[in-house]
Amino acid sequence: MASSNDASSGGTSERMVQCVKFGRELPGLNEQPWPGELGQRIYEHVSARAWKLWEDRMRMLLNEYRLMPWQKEAQDMVARAMEEFFFGEGAALPPGYVAPQGHEH
């Protein structure tokens, strides 16, 4: 069984991507986070840092609409929101954006 972490000498060699959210090169995700073409685009163009922002947003959406992640309608809604969040009009953050700290639940 192949390990997904076959980086040299125990250190993780970070895969860099040109992040669409932050507008600069940042460490990417280790694996495709969503199935299909959308997941592939995210893997290629979204940094791990931007994905973390999305996870917080997705939790808010699921809670706000009282959705269960395994429901087809929840998955469709999340996919549409994800597409808009990363690739929609005005999706890029302003230059110099700093994520708010201390919003862990």
PDB file of N, CA and C in Angstrom:
ATOM      1  N   MET A   1       0.857  -1.184   0.000  1.00  0.00           N
ATOM      2  CA  MET A   1       0.000   0.000   0.000  1.00  0.00           C
ATOM      3  C   MET A   1       0.895   1.236   0.000  1.00  0.00           C
ATOM      4  N   ALA A   2       0.714   2.100  -0.961  1.00  0.00           N
ATOM      5  CA  ALA A   2       1.545   3.296  -1.087  1.00  0.00           C
ATOM      6  C   ALA A   2       1.101   4.365  -0.101  1.00  0.00           C
ATOM      7  N   SER A   3       2.080   4.996   0.491  1.00  0.00           N
ATOM      8  CA  SER A   3       1.787   6.094   1.423  1.00  0.00           C
ATOM      9  C   SER A   3       1.634   7.381   0.641  1.00  0.00           C
ATOM     10  N   SER A   4       0.674   8.206   1.041  1.00  0.00           N
ATOM     11  CA  SER A   4       0.493   9.479   0.355  1.00  0.00           C
ATOM     12  C   SER A   4       1.553  10.479   0.806  1.00  0.00           C
ATOM     13  N   ASN A   5       2.326  10.126   1.824  1.00  0.00           N
ATOM     14  CA  ASN A   5       3.369  11.015   2.317  1.00  0.00           C
ATOM     15  C   ASN A   5       4.739  10.396   2.056  1.00  0.00           C
ATOM     16  N   ASP A   6       5.110  10.315   0.769  1.00  0.00           N
ATOM     17  CA  ASP A   6       6.394   9.722   0.437  1.00  0.00           C
ATOM     18  C   ASP A   6       7.440  10.812   0.200  1.00  0.00           C
ATOM     19  N   ALA A   7       7.344  11.896   0.949  1.00  0.00           N
ATOM     20  CA  ALA A   7       8.303  12.995   0.850  1.00  0.00           C
ATOM     21  C   ALA A   7       9.646  12.540   1.413  1.00  0.00           C
ATOM     22  N   SER A   8      10.692  13.216   1.011  1.00  0.00           N
ATOM     23  CA  SER A   8      12.033  12.814   1.427  1.00  0.00           C
ATOM     24  C   SER A   8      12.268  13.038   2.914  1.00  0.00           C
ATOM     25  N   SER A   9      13.009  12.162   3.508  1.00  0.00           N
ATOM     26  CA  SER A   9      13.493  12.188   4.893  1.00  0.00           C
ATOM     27  C   SER A   9      12.507  12.726   5.930  1.00  0.00           C
ATOM     28  N   GLY A  10      11.288  12.236   5.897  1.00  0.00           N
ATOM     29  CA  GLY A  10      10.330  12.543   6.951  1.00  0.00           C
ATOM     30  C   GLY A  10       9.728  13.928   6.892  1.00  0.00           C
ATOM     31  N   GLY A  11      10.366  14.877   6.229  1.00  0.00           N
ATOM     32  CA  GLY A  11       9.799  16.223   6.116  1.00  0.00           C
ATOM     33  C   GLY A  11       8.723  16.230   5.041  1.00  0.00           C
ATOM     34  N   THR A  12       7.708  17.041   5.213  1.00  0.00           N
ATOM     35  CA  THR A  12       6.669  17.094   4.188  1.00  0.00           C
ATOM     36  C   THR A  12       7.065  18.142   3.157  1.00  0.00           C
ATOM     37  N   SER A  13       7.262  17.708   1.928  1.00  0.00           N
ATOM     38  CA  SER A  13       7.564  18.673   0.879  1.00  0.00           C
ATOM     39  C   SER A  13       6.228  19.270   0.443  1.00  0.00           C
ATOM     40  N   GLU A  14       6.115  20.558   0.599  1.00  0.00           N
ATOM     41  CA  GLU A  14       4.834  21.195   0.336  1.00  0.00           C
ATOM     42  C   GLU A  14       4.640  21.438  -1.149  1.00  0.00           C
ATOM     43  N   ARG A  15       3.458  21.089  -1.601  1.00  0.00           N
ATOM     44  CA  ARG A  15       3.059  21.325  -2.977  1.00  0.00           C
ATOM     45  C   ARG A  15       2.521  22.743  -3.035  1.00  0.00           C
ATOM     46  N   MET A  16       3.110  23.582  -3.877  1.00  0.00           N
ATOM     47  CA  MET A  16       2.700  24.976  -3.954  1.00  0.00           C
ATOM     48  C   MET A  16       1.666  25.164  -5.072  1.00  0.00           C
ATOM     49  N   VAL A  17       0.691  26.042  -4.812  1.00  0.00           N
ATOM     50  CA  VAL A  17      -0.302  26.393  -5.824  1.00  0.00           C
ATOM     51  C   VAL A  17      -0.431  27.913  -5.876  1.00  0.00           C
ATOM     52  N   GLN A  18      -0.826  28.410  -7.031  1.00  0.00           N
ATOM     53  CA  GLN A  18      -1.159  29.831  -7.154  1.00  0.00           C
ATOM     54  C   GLN A  18      -2.600  29.949  -6.671  1.00  0.00           C
ATOM     55  N   CYS A  19      -2.791  30.399  -5.443  1.00  0.00           N
ATOM     56  CA  CYS A  19      -4.108  30.390  -4.802  1.00  0.00           C
ATOM     57  C   CYS A  19      -5.022  31.468  -5.375  1.00  0.00           C
ATOM     58  N   VAL A  20      -6.211  31.048  -5.831  1.00  0.00           N
ATOM     59  CA  VAL A  20      -7.180  31.994  -6.389  1.00  0.00           C
ATOM     60  C   VAL A  20      -7.768  32.895  -5.312  1.00  0.00           C
ATOM     61  N   LYS A  21      -7.774  32.442  -4.080  1.00  0.00           N
ATOM     62  CA  LYS A  21      -8.376  33.221  -2.994  1.00  0.00           C
ATOM     63  C   LYS A  21      -7.422  34.303  -2.501  1.00  0.00           C
ATOM     64  N   PHE A  22      -6.144  33.936  -2.312  1.00  0.00           N
ATOM     65  CA  PHE A  22      -5.171  34.881  -1.771  1.00  0.00           C
ATOM     66  C   PHE A  22      -4.341  35.572  -2.852  1.00  0.00           C
ATOM     67  N   GLY A  23      -4.446  35.078  -4.095  1.00  0.00           N
ATOM     68  CA  GLY A  23      -3.744  35.723  -5.200  1.00  0.00           C
ATOM     69  C   GLY A  23      -2.231  35.615  -5.137  1.00  0.00           C
ATOM     70  N   ARG A  24      -1.732  34.576  -4.492  1.00  0.00           N
ATOM     71  CA  ARG A  24      -0.294  34.358  -4.443  1.00  0.00           C
ATOM     72  C   ARG A  24      -0.006  32.881  -4.244  1.00  0.00           C
ATOM     73  N   GLU A  25       1.279  32.528  -4.388  1.00  0.00           N
ATOM     74  CA  GLU A  25       1.673  31.130  -4.253  1.00  0.00           C
ATOM     75  C   GLU A  25       1.719  30.738  -2.780  1.00  0.00           C
ATOM     76  N   LEU A  26       1.006  29.670  -2.455  1.00  0.00           N
ATOM     77  CA  LEU A  26       0.925  29.170  -1.085  1.00  0.00           C
ATOM     78  C   LEU A  26       0.909  27.643  -1.112  1.00  0.00           C
ATOM     79  N   PRO A  27       1.199  27.000   0.027  1.00  0.00           N
ATOM     80  CA  PRO A  27       1.118  25.537   0.077  1.00  0.00           C
ATOM     81  C   PRO A  27      -0.297  25.052  -0.263  1.00  0.00           C
ATOM     82  N   GLY A  28      -0.356  24.023  -1.106  1.00  0.00           N
ATOM     83  CA  GLY A  28      -1.639  23.479  -1.532  1.00  0.00           C
ATOM     84  C   GLY A  28      -2.124  22.361  -0.624  1.00  0.00           C
ATOM     85  N   LEU A  29      -3.257  21.800  -0.991  1.00  0.00           N
ATOM     86  CA  LEU A  29      -3.838  20.683  -0.258  1.00  0.00           C
ATOM     87  C   LEU A  29      -3.085  19.399  -0.590  1.00  0.00           C
ATOM     88  N   ASN A  30      -3.130  18.423   0.312  1.00  0.00           N
ATOM     89  CA  ASN A  30      -2.446  17.151   0.093  1.00  0.00           C
ATOM     90  C   ASN A  30      -3.227  16.218  -0.816  1.00  0.00           C
ATOM     91  N   GLU A  31      -4.529  16.425  -0.894  1.00  0.00           N
ATOM     92  CA  GLU A  31      -5.361  15.576  -1.746  1.00  0.00           C
ATOM     93  C   GLU A  31      -6.580  16.362  -2.205  1.00  0.00           C
ATOM     94  N   GLN A  32      -7.223  15.853  -3.242  1.00  0.00           N
ATOM     95  CA  GLN A  32      -8.418  16.489  -3.781  1.00  0.00           C
ATOM     96  C   GLN A  32      -9.521  16.455  -2.713  1.00  0.00           C
ATOM     97  N   PRO A  33     -10.067  17.616  -2.328  1.00  0.00           N
ATOM     98  CA  PRO A  33     -10.981  17.668  -1.189  1.00  0.00           C
ATOM     99  C   PRO A  33     -12.452  17.418  -1.527  1.00  0.00           C
ATOM    100  N   TRP A  34     -12.770  17.303  -2.794  1.00  0.00           N
ATOM    101  CA  TRP A  34     -14.155  17.173  -3.244  1.00  0.00           C
ATOM    102  C   TRP A  34     -14.122  16.367  -4.518  1.00  0.00           C
ATOM    103  N   PRO A  35     -15.159  15.569  -4.781  1.00  0.00           N
ATOM    104  CA  PRO A  35     -15.122  14.744  -5.996  1.00  0.00           C
ATOM    105  C   PRO A  35     -15.297  15.561  -7.279  1.00  0.00           C
ATOM    106  N   GLY A  36     -14.922  14.952  -8.373  1.00  0.00           N
ATOM    107  CA  GLY A  36     -15.216  15.503  -9.691  1.00  0.00           C
ATOM    108  C   GLY A  36     -14.351  16.679 -10.100  1.00  0.00           C
ATOM    109  N   GLU A  37     -14.837  17.381 -11.121  1.00  0.00           N
ATOM    110  CA  GLU A  37     -14.108  18.481 -11.736  1.00  0.00           C
ATOM    111  C   GLU A  37     -13.900  19.633 -10.758  1.00  0.00           C
ATOM    112  N   LEU A  38     -14.899  19.934  -9.935  1.00  0.00           N
ATOM    113  CA  LEU A  38     -14.773  21.016  -8.958  1.00  0.00           C
ATOM    114  C   LEU A  38     -13.647  20.700  -7.968  1.00  0.00           C
ATOM    115  N   GLY A  39     -13.609  19.483  -7.474  1.00  0.00           N
ATOM    116  CA  GLY A  39     -12.552  19.075  -6.555  1.00  0.00           C
ATOM    117  C   GLY A  39     -11.176  19.177  -7.185  1.00  0.00           C
ATOM    118  N   GLN A  40     -11.073  18.818  -8.467  1.00  0.00           N
ATOM    119  CA  GLN A  40      -9.799  18.902  -9.174  1.00  0.00           C
ATOM    120  C   GLN A  40      -9.362  20.361  -9.304  1.00  0.00           C
ATOM    121  N   ARG A  41     -10.294  21.252  -9.647  1.00  0.00           N
ATOM    122  CA  ARG A  41      -9.973  22.683  -9.762  1.00  0.00           C
ATOM    123  C   ARG A  41      -9.516  23.240  -8.420  1.00  0.00           C
ATOM    124  N   ILE A  42     -10.183  22.827  -7.339  1.00  0.00           N
ATOM    125  CA  ILE A  42      -9.799  23.288  -6.003  1.00  0.00           C
ATOM    126  C   ILE A  42      -8.403  22.785  -5.666  1.00  0.00           C
ATOM    127  N   TYR A  43      -8.147  21.517  -5.947  1.00  0.00           N
ATOM    128  CA  TYR A  43      -6.831  20.928  -5.671  1.00  0.00           C
ATOM    129  C   TYR A  43      -5.718  21.697  -6.399  1.00  0.00           C
ATOM    130  N   GLU A  44      -5.994  22.122  -7.630  1.00  0.00           N
ATOM    131  CA  GLU A  44      -4.985  22.784  -8.450  1.00  0.00           C
ATOM    132  C   GLU A  44      -4.844  24.276  -8.168  1.00  0.00           C
ATOM    133  N   HIS A  45      -5.890  24.926  -7.625  1.00  0.00           N
ATOM    134  CA  HIS A  45      -5.890  26.392  -7.544  1.00  0.00           C
ATOM    135  C   HIS A  45      -6.209  26.978  -6.176  1.00  0.00           C
ATOM    136  N   VAL A  46      -6.358  26.142  -5.152  1.00  0.00           N
ATOM    137  CA  VAL A  46      -6.741  26.634  -3.826  1.00  0.00           C
ATOM    138  C   VAL A  46      -5.700  26.177  -2.809  1.00  0.00           C
ATOM    139  N   SER A  47      -5.235  27.111  -1.997  1.00  0.00           N
ATOM    140  CA  SER A  47      -4.251  26.766  -0.969  1.00  0.00           C
ATOM    141  C   SER A  47      -4.930  26.110   0.231  1.00  0.00           C
ATOM    142  N   ALA A  48      -4.111  25.433   1.033  1.00  0.00           N
ATOM    143  CA  ALA A  48      -4.623  24.815   2.260  1.00  0.00           C
ATOM    144  C   ALA A  48      -5.206  25.889   3.184  1.00  0.00           C
ATOM    145  N   ARG A  49      -4.586  27.054   3.189  1.00  0.00           N
ATOM    146  CA  ARG A  49      -5.058  28.162   4.023  1.00  0.00           C
ATOM    147  C   ARG A  49      -6.450  28.635   3.575  1.00  0.00           C
ATOM    148  N   ALA A  50      -6.654  28.755   2.264  1.00  0.00           N
ATOM    149  CA  ALA A  50      -7.962  29.169   1.746  1.00  0.00           C
ATOM    150  C   ALA A  50      -9.003  28.077   2.001  1.00  0.00           C
ATOM    151  N   TRP A  51      -8.600  26.818   1.917  1.00  0.00           N
ATOM    152  CA  TRP A  51      -9.528  25.720   2.194  1.00  0.00           C
ATOM    153  C   TRP A  51     -10.004  25.787   3.638  1.00  0.00           C
ATOM    154  N   LYS A  52      -9.120  26.175   4.552  1.00  0.00           N
ATOM    155  CA  LYS A  52      -9.493  26.318   5.963  1.00  0.00           C
ATOM    156  C   LYS A  52     -10.577  27.401   6.114  1.00  0.00           C
ATOM    157  N   LEU A  53     -10.430  28.512   5.393  1.00  0.00           N
ATOM    158  CA  LEU A  53     -11.466  29.552   5.408  1.00  0.00           C
ATOM    159  C   LEU A  53     -12.794  28.972   4.934  1.00  0.00           C
ATOM    160  N   TRP A  54     -12.719  28.160   3.857  1.00  0.00           N
ATOM    161  CA  TRP A  54     -13.931  27.551   3.316  1.00  0.00           C
ATOM    162  C   TRP A  54     -14.586  26.612   4.325  1.00  0.00           C
ATOM    163  N   GLU A  55     -13.765  25.814   5.034  1.00  0.00           N
ATOM    164  CA  GLU A  55     -14.341  24.874   6.008  1.00  0.00           C
ATOM    165  C   GLU A  55     -15.154  25.617   7.071  1.00  0.00           C
ATOM    166  N   ASP A  56     -14.638  26.760   7.523  1.00  0.00           N
ATOM    167  CA  ASP A  56     -15.383  27.568   8.499  1.00  0.00           C
ATOM    168  C   ASP A  56     -16.705  28.048   7.889  1.00  0.00           C
ATOM    169  N   ARG A  57     -16.636  28.509   6.637  1.00  0.00           N
ATOM    170  CA  ARG A  57     -17.831  28.992   5.936  1.00  0.00           C
ATOM    171  C   ARG A  57     -18.835  27.860   5.738  1.00  0.00           C
ATOM    172  N   MET A  58     -18.338  26.671   5.365  1.00  0.00           N
ATOM    173  CA  MET A  58     -19.211  25.528   5.128  1.00  0.00           C
ATOM    174  C   MET A  58     -19.926  25.124   6.418  1.00  0.00           C
ATOM    175  N   ARG A  59     -19.205  25.112   7.543  1.00  0.00           N
ATOM    176  CA  ARG A  59     -19.843  24.800   8.828  1.00  0.00           C
ATOM    177  C   ARG A  59     -20.982  25.774   9.119  1.00  0.00           C
ATOM    178  N   MET A  60     -20.741  27.057   8.849  1.00  0.00           N
ATOM    179  CA  MET A  60     -21.788  28.062   9.074  1.00  0.00           C
ATOM    180  C   MET A  60     -23.001  27.774   8.191  1.00  0.00           C
ATOM    181  N   LEU A  61     -22.754  27.449   6.926  1.00  0.00           N
ATOM    182  CA  LEU A  61     -23.858  27.145   6.003  1.00  0.00           C
ATOM    183  C   LEU A  61     -24.666  25.942   6.470  1.00  0.00           C
ATOM    184  N   LEU A  62     -23.968  24.870   6.809  1.00  0.00           N
ATOM    185  CA  LEU A  62     -24.653  23.651   7.246  1.00  0.00           C
ATOM    186  C   LEU A  62     -25.474  23.920   8.503  1.00  0.00           C
ATOM    187  N   ASN A  63     -24.924  24.684   9.431  1.00  0.00           N
ATOM    188  CA  ASN A  63     -25.652  25.012  10.658  1.00  0.00           C
ATOM    189  C   ASN A  63     -26.834  25.932  10.390  1.00  0.00           C
ATOM    190  N   GLU A  64     -26.592  26.957   9.586  1.00  0.00           N
ATOM    191  CA  GLU A  64     -27.635  27.946   9.305  1.00  0.00           C
ATOM    192  C   GLU A  64     -28.852  27.308   8.645  1.00  0.00           C
ATOM    193  N   TYR A  65     -28.616  26.405   7.705  1.00  0.00           N
ATOM    194  CA  TYR A  65     -29.719  25.765   6.980  1.00  0.00           C
ATOM    195  C   TYR A  65     -30.085  24.408   7.570  1.00  0.00           C
ATOM    196  N   ARG A  66     -29.450  24.050   8.683  1.00  0.00           N
ATOM    197  CA  ARG A  66     -29.703  22.776   9.356  1.00  0.00           C
ATOM    198  C   ARG A  66     -29.618  21.599   8.380  1.00  0.00           C
ATOM    199  N   LEU A  67     -28.520  21.585   7.634  1.00  0.00           N
ATOM    200  CA  LEU A  67     -28.313  20.546   6.628  1.00  0.00           C
ATOM    201  C   LEU A  67     -27.437  19.430   7.186  1.00  0.00           C
ATOM    202  N   MET A  68     -27.663  18.238   6.703  1.00  0.00           N
ATOM    203  CA  MET A  68     -26.834  17.091   7.041  1.00  0.00           C
ATOM    204  C   MET A  68     -25.918  16.822   5.847  1.00  0.00           C
ATOM    205  N   PRO A  69     -24.595  16.746   6.078  1.00  0.00           N
ATOM    206  CA  PRO A  69     -23.645  16.635   4.973  1.00  0.00           C
ATOM    207  C   PRO A  69     -23.877  15.458   4.036  1.00  0.00           C
ATOM    208  N   TRP A  70     -24.555  14.398   4.507  1.00  0.00           N
ATOM    209  CA  TRP A  70     -24.761  13.232   3.646  1.00  0.00           C
ATOM    210  C   TRP A  70     -25.988  13.393   2.739  1.00  0.00           C
ATOM    211  N   GLN A  71     -26.792  14.431   2.945  1.00  0.00           N
ATOM    212  CA  GLN A  71     -27.980  14.635   2.106  1.00  0.00           C
ATOM    213  C   GLN A  71     -27.577  15.207   0.755  1.00  0.00           C
ATOM    214  N   LYS A  72     -28.190  14.687  -0.302  1.00  0.00           N
ATOM    215  CA  LYS A  72     -27.886  15.125  -1.663  1.00  0.00           C
ATOM    216  C   LYS A  72     -28.101  16.625  -1.812  1.00  0.00           C
ATOM    217  N   GLU A  73     -29.207  17.160  -1.266  1.00  0.00           N
ATOM    218  CA  GLU A  73     -29.472  18.597  -1.411  1.00  0.00           C
ATOM    219  C   GLU A  73     -28.430  19.441  -0.674  1.00  0.00           C
ATOM    220  N   ALA A  74     -27.923  18.927   0.448  1.00  0.00           N
ATOM    221  CA  ALA A  74     -26.864  19.634   1.177  1.00  0.00           C
ATOM    222  C   ALA A  74     -25.584  19.639   0.345  1.00  0.00           C
ATOM    223  N   GLN A  75     -25.258  18.508  -0.257  1.00  0.00           N
ATOM    224  CA  GLN A  75     -24.052  18.405  -1.078  1.00  0.00           C
ATOM    225  C   GLN A  75     -24.132  19.327  -2.293  1.00  0.00           C
ATOM    226  N   ASP A  76     -25.325  19.389  -2.920  1.00  0.00           N
ATOM    227  CA  ASP A  76     -25.504  20.274  -4.076  1.00  0.00           C
ATOM    228  C   ASP A  76     -25.346  21.736  -3.669  1.00  0.00           C
ATOM    229  N   MET A  77     -25.936  22.095  -2.542  1.00  0.00           N
ATOM    230  CA  MET A  77     -25.858  23.471  -2.073  1.00  0.00           C
ATOM    231  C   MET A  77     -24.416  23.837  -1.706  1.00  0.00           C
ATOM    232  N   VAL A  78     -23.733  22.923  -1.020  1.00  0.00           N
ATOM    233  CA  VAL A  78     -22.343  23.149  -0.631  1.00  0.00           C
ATOM    234  C   VAL A  78     -21.476  23.301  -1.884  1.00  0.00           C
ATOM    235  N   ALA A  79     -21.692  22.463  -2.886  1.00  0.00           N
ATOM    236  CA  ALA A  79     -20.905  22.539  -4.119  1.00  0.00           C
ATOM    237  C   ALA A  79     -21.107  23.893  -4.808  1.00  0.00           C
ATOM    238  N   ARG A  80     -22.360  24.372  -4.868  1.00  0.00           N
ATOM    239  CA  ARG A  80     -22.622  25.686  -5.487  1.00  0.00           C
ATOM    240  C   ARG A  80     -21.942  26.798  -4.693  1.00  0.00           C
ATOM    241  N   ALA A  81     -22.046  26.739  -3.371  1.00  0.00           N
ATOM    242  CA  ALA A  81     -21.438  27.761  -2.523  1.00  0.00           C
ATOM    243  C   ALA A  81     -19.912  27.718  -2.629  1.00  0.00           C
ATOM    244  N   MET A  82     -19.359  26.510  -2.721  1.00  0.00           N
ATOM    245  CA  MET A  82     -17.911  26.335  -2.848  1.00  0.00           C
ATOM    246  C   MET A  82     -17.412  26.939  -4.164  1.00  0.00           C
ATOM    247  N   GLU A  83     -18.137  26.663  -5.234  1.00  0.00           N
ATOM    248  CA  GLU A  83     -17.782  27.203  -6.556  1.00  0.00           C
ATOM    249  C   GLU A  83     -17.758  28.732  -6.500  1.00  0.00           C
ATOM    250  N   GLU A  84     -18.767  29.317  -5.898  1.00  0.00           N
ATOM    251  CA  GLU A  84     -18.872  30.769  -5.784  1.00  0.00           C
ATOM    252  C   GLU A  84     -17.756  31.316  -4.878  1.00  0.00           C
ATOM    253  N   PHE A  85     -17.505  30.633  -3.766  1.00  0.00           N
ATOM    254  CA  PHE A  85     -16.503  31.074  -2.792  1.00  0.00           C
ATOM    255  C   PHE A  85     -15.112  31.154  -3.420  1.00  0.00           C
ATOM    256  N   PHE A  86     -14.752  30.140  -4.222  1.00  0.00           N
ATOM    257  CA  PHE A  86     -13.411  30.109  -4.788  1.00  0.00           C
ATOM    258  C   PHE A  86     -13.300  30.714  -6.178  1.00  0.00           C
ATOM    259  N   PHE A  87     -14.327  30.557  -7.002  1.00  0.00           N
ATOM    260  CA  PHE A  87     -14.187  30.917  -8.409  1.00  0.00           C
ATOM    261  C   PHE A  87     -15.199  31.945  -8.887  1.00  0.00           C
ATOM    262  N   GLY A  88     -16.102  32.390  -8.008  1.00  0.00           N
ATOM    263  CA  GLY A  88     -17.132  33.350  -8.405  1.00  0.00           C
ATOM    264  C   GLY A  88     -16.591  34.758  -8.550  1.00  0.00           C
ATOM    265  N   GLU A  89     -17.439  35.635  -9.025  1.00  0.00           N
ATOM    266  CA  GLU A  89     -17.115  37.057  -9.165  1.00  0.00           C
ATOM    267  C   GLU A  89     -16.675  37.615  -7.808  1.00  0.00           C
ATOM    268  N   GLY A  90     -15.541  38.259  -7.765  1.00  0.00           N
ATOM    269  CA  GLY A  90     -15.073  38.861  -6.519  1.00  0.00           C
ATOM    270  C   GLY A  90     -14.634  37.866  -5.462  1.00  0.00           C
ATOM    271  N   ALA A  91     -14.269  36.650  -5.865  1.00  0.00           N
ATOM    272  CA  ALA A  91     -13.881  35.619  -4.897  1.00  0.00           C
ATOM    273  C   ALA A  91     -12.521  35.899  -4.257  1.00  0.00           C
ATOM    274  N   ALA A  92     -11.635  36.585  -4.985  1.00  0.00           N
ATOM    275  CA  ALA A  92     -10.301  36.847  -4.442  1.00  0.00           C
ATOM    276  C   ALA A  92     -10.399  37.818  -3.270  1.00  0.00           C
ATOM    277  N   LEU A  93      -9.603  37.556  -2.257  1.00  0.00           N
ATOM    278  CA  LEU A  93      -9.561  38.438  -1.091  1.00  0.00           C
ATOM    279  C   LEU A  93      -8.770  39.694  -1.436  1.00  0.00           C
ATOM    280  N   PRO A  94      -9.075  40.807  -0.778  1.00  0.00           N
ATOM    281  CA  PRO A  94      -8.298  42.024  -1.031  1.00  0.00           C
ATOM    282  C   PRO A  94      -6.832  41.812  -0.658  1.00  0.00           C
ATOM    283  N   PRO A  95      -5.916  42.467  -1.358  1.00  0.00           N
ATOM    284  CA  PRO A  95      -4.501  42.337  -1.005  1.00  0.00           C
ATOM    285  C   PRO A  95      -4.295  42.726   0.461  1.00  0.00           C
ATOM    286  N   GLY A  96      -3.450  41.967   1.155  1.00  0.00           N
ATOM    287  CA  GLY A  96      -3.173  42.277   2.549  1.00  0.00           C
ATOM    288  C   GLY A  96      -4.214  41.758   3.528  1.00  0.00           C
ATOM    289  N   TYR A  97      -5.191  40.975   3.048  1.00  0.00           N
ATOM    290  CA  TYR A  97      -6.229  40.421   3.942  1.00  0.00           C
ATOM    291  C   TYR A  97      -5.578  39.544   5.010  1.00  0.00           C
ATOM    292  N   VAL A  98      -6.016  39.721   6.232  1.00  0.00           N
ATOM    293  CA  VAL A  98      -5.552  38.873   7.340  1.00  0.00           C
ATOM    294  C   VAL A  98      -6.785  38.198   7.937  1.00  0.00           C
ATOM    295  N   ALA A  99      -6.750  36.878   8.003  1.00  0.00           N
ATOM    296  CA  ALA A  99      -7.877  36.123   8.548  1.00  0.00           C
ATOM    297  C   ALA A  99      -8.057  36.461  10.022  1.00  0.00           C
ATOM    298  N   PRO A 100      -9.309  36.598  10.478  1.00  0.00           N
ATOM    299  CA  PRO A 100      -9.548  36.858  11.894  1.00  0.00           C
ATOM    300  C   PRO A 100      -9.038  35.702  12.742  1.00  0.00           C
ATOM    301  N   GLN A 101      -8.502  36.003  13.889  1.00  0.00           N
ATOM    302  CA  GLN A 101      -7.941  34.987  14.769  1.00  0.00           C
ATOM    303  C   GLN A 101      -8.950  34.634  15.865  1.00  0.00           C
ATOM    304  N   GLY A 102      -8.794  33.427  16.409  1.00  0.00           N
ATOM    305  CA  GLY A 102      -9.585  33.044  17.573  1.00  0.00           C
ATOM    306  C   GLY A 102     -11.024  32.674  17.302  1.00  0.00           C
ATOM    307  N   HIS A 103     -11.323  32.198  16.098  1.00  0.00           N
ATOM    308  CA  HIS A 103     -12.697  31.781  15.792  1.00  0.00           C
ATOM    309  C   HIS A 103     -12.840  30.268  15.815  1.00  0.00           C
ATOM    310  N   GLU A 104     -12.023  29.602  16.580  1.00  0.00           N
ATOM    311  CA  GLU A 104     -12.120  28.147  16.706  1.00  0.00           C
ATOM    312  C   GLU A 104     -13.270  27.795  17.623  1.00  0.00           C
ATOM    313  N   HIS A 105     -14.006  26.760  17.280  1.00  0.00           N
ATOM    314  CA  HIS A 105     -15.158  26.333  18.109  1.00  0.00           C
ATOM    315  C   HIS A 105     -14.855  25.047  18.795  1.00  0.00           C
TER     316      HIS A 105
END
